[in-house]
Amino acid sequence: TSRSGRNTQKKMSRKVFSWGDVVWAPDFFKLSMGLEFGAPNPRPWLVISHDNHPFSGEEYVALSLTTTEREIAVRIQDSDWITGGGPEDSYIVPWNPATLKHGWVGDNRQGQLKENVVETAVEELNTYI
């Protein structure tokens, strides 16, 4: 701290996530079933917000991923991953958007999906709103 009492230390840099990133964060469905926040129940989420989000880097709009096959979900092929990947078949759930706080995500990035699959999921989301 300086003589004025202000903290002059720089904030530690942190990973800011971008449109198309797949990150791990709490599973709100399991939380609504009575599990405690912070319990080991994370799930993958697809970040669909852009840098123009008013709280970019602090909050992210995201769609959940599931391994449960649903006809109306967007299937993720192995070839849809730019980086990373999934251990099994996964699907984007376009009817389930959420806001994720950066602190809930931490540095838990699984990978990044190609633009076409993200756009498909966002287009599907738009049919619900």
Protein backbone atom coordinates (compact mmCIF):
# COMPACT_ATOMS: atom_id res chain seq x y z
CA THR A 1 0.00 0.00 0.00
CA SER A 2 1.06 3.59 -0.56
CA ARG A 3 1.17 6.42 1.98
CA SER A 4 -2.36 7.37 0.99
CA GLY A 5 -3.48 3.95 2.17
CA ARG A 6 -4.55 2.89 -1.32
CA ASN A 7 -3.60 -0.56 -2.48
CA THR A 8 -1.04 -0.04 -5.24
CA GLN A 9 -0.52 -3.73 -6.04
CA LYS A 10 -1.63 -4.75 -9.50
CA LYS A 11 -4.50 -7.17 -9.73
CA MET A 12 -3.46 -10.63 -10.76
CA SER A 13 -4.37 -11.31 -14.36
CA ARG A 14 -7.04 -13.89 -14.97
CA LYS A 15 -8.31 -15.74 -17.98
CA VAL A 16 -11.22 -13.97 -19.62
CA PHE A 17 -13.42 -16.30 -21.59
CA SER A 18 -14.72 -15.61 -25.08
CA TRP A 19 -17.63 -16.49 -27.34
CA GLY A 20 -17.32 -20.18 -28.21
CA ASP A 21 -15.33 -21.21 -25.13
CA VAL A 22 -16.57 -24.22 -23.16
CA VAL A 23 -16.03 -23.78 -19.43
CA TRP A 24 -16.95 -25.67 -16.26
CA ALA A 25 -19.24 -23.99 -13.72
CA PRO A 26 -21.93 -24.99 -11.21
CA ASP A 27 -24.89 -27.04 -12.38
CA PHE A 28 -27.90 -24.90 -11.41
CA PHE A 29 -30.33 -27.75 -12.03
CA LYS A 30 -28.61 -29.85 -9.37
CA LEU A 31 -28.50 -26.79 -7.08
CA SER A 32 -32.27 -26.38 -7.45
CA MET A 33 -32.61 -29.98 -6.30
CA GLY A 34 -31.13 -29.01 -2.92
CA LEU A 35 -27.41 -29.48 -3.42
CA GLU A 36 -25.21 -26.88 -1.80
CA PHE A 37 -23.54 -24.18 -3.94
CA GLY A 38 -19.91 -25.05 -4.41
CA ALA A 39 -20.62 -28.76 -4.09
CA PRO A 40 -18.70 -30.87 -6.60
CA ASN A 41 -21.41 -30.74 -9.25
CA PRO A 42 -20.04 -28.72 -12.15
CA ARG A 43 -21.13 -29.08 -15.74
CA PRO A 44 -19.79 -27.70 -19.03
CA TRP A 45 -21.20 -24.43 -20.37
CA LEU A 46 -20.81 -22.78 -23.78
CA VAL A 47 -20.02 -19.05 -23.55
CA ILE A 48 -22.19 -17.14 -26.04
CA SER A 49 -21.65 -13.57 -24.87
CA HIS A 50 -19.32 -11.23 -26.74
CA ASP A 51 -16.85 -8.63 -25.51
CA ASN A 52 -19.64 -6.02 -25.77
CA HIS A 53 -21.45 -7.64 -22.80
CA PRO A 54 -21.71 -4.87 -20.16
CA PHE A 55 -19.83 -7.01 -17.63
CA SER A 56 -17.48 -8.82 -20.02
CA GLY A 57 -14.81 -10.69 -18.09
CA GLU A 58 -16.93 -10.60 -14.93
CA GLU A 59 -20.05 -12.35 -16.23
CA TYR A 60 -20.78 -14.59 -19.20
CA VAL A 61 -24.03 -15.58 -20.90
CA ALA A 62 -23.80 -19.31 -21.47
CA LEU A 63 -25.73 -22.38 -22.58
CA SER A 64 -25.41 -25.65 -20.72
CA LEU A 65 -24.06 -28.83 -22.26
CA THR A 66 -25.37 -32.29 -21.56
CA THR A 67 -24.49 -35.86 -22.47
CA THR A 68 -28.19 -36.70 -22.65
CA GLU A 69 -29.23 -36.99 -26.28
CA ARG A 70 -32.24 -34.84 -27.09
CA GLU A 71 -33.65 -34.37 -30.56
CA ILE A 72 -33.95 -30.60 -30.08
CA ALA A 73 -30.45 -30.13 -28.63
CA VAL A 74 -27.46 -29.17 -30.81
CA ARG A 75 -25.11 -32.14 -31.16
CA ILE A 76 -21.38 -31.47 -30.82
CA GLN A 77 -19.28 -33.55 -33.20
CA ASP A 78 -15.60 -34.27 -32.48
CA SER A 79 -14.80 -32.10 -35.51
CA ASP A 80 -16.65 -29.12 -33.92
CA TRP A 81 -13.83 -28.56 -31.42
CA ILE A 82 -11.11 -26.02 -32.30
CA THR A 83 -9.27 -26.87 -29.08
CA GLY A 84 -10.05 -29.32 -26.31
CA GLY A 85 -12.84 -31.83 -26.64
CA GLY A 86 -15.24 -33.96 -24.72
CA PRO A 87 -14.85 -37.49 -23.34
CA GLU A 88 -18.24 -38.52 -24.76
CA ASP A 89 -20.98 -37.27 -27.07
CA SER A 90 -22.27 -33.89 -25.91
CA TYR A 91 -25.18 -31.64 -26.79
CA ILE A 92 -25.77 -27.90 -26.37
CA VAL A 93 -29.04 -27.12 -24.58
CA PRO A 94 -30.24 -23.92 -26.32
CA TRP A 95 -33.34 -23.45 -24.14
CA ASN A 96 -31.29 -23.14 -20.95
CA PRO A 97 -29.28 -19.87 -20.96
CA ALA A 98 -27.67 -18.65 -17.74
CA THR A 99 -25.37 -15.91 -16.50
CA LEU A 100 -22.14 -17.27 -15.06
CA LYS A 101 -19.99 -15.20 -12.71
CA HIS A 102 -16.28 -15.35 -13.49
CA GLY A 103 -15.53 -16.56 -9.95
CA TRP A 104 -17.75 -19.58 -10.50
CA VAL A 105 -15.73 -20.56 -13.56
CA GLY A 106 -12.19 -19.82 -12.39
CA ASP A 107 -9.72 -21.18 -14.93
CA ASN A 108 -11.85 -24.17 -15.86
CA ARG A 109 -11.77 -23.97 -19.67
CA GLN A 110 -12.41 -27.24 -21.51
CA GLY A 111 -11.89 -25.94 -25.02
CA GLN A 112 -13.41 -23.90 -27.82
CA LEU A 113 -16.08 -24.77 -30.38
CA LYS A 114 -16.18 -23.75 -34.04
CA GLU A 115 -18.21 -20.73 -35.05
CA ASN A 116 -20.85 -22.67 -37.01
CA VAL A 117 -21.94 -24.86 -34.09
CA VAL A 118 -22.07 -21.86 -31.71
CA GLU A 119 -24.13 -19.88 -34.23
CA THR A 120 -26.52 -22.82 -34.61
CA ALA A 121 -27.04 -22.96 -30.83
CA VAL A 122 -27.61 -19.19 -30.61
CA GLU A 123 -30.09 -19.32 -33.50
CA GLU A 124 -31.97 -22.09 -31.66
CA LEU A 125 -31.94 -20.01 -28.46
CA ASN A 126 -33.47 -17.11 -30.38
CA THR A 127 -36.47 -19.28 -31.27
CA TYR A 128 -37.28 -19.50 -27.54
CA ILE A 129 -37.09 -15.78 -26.72
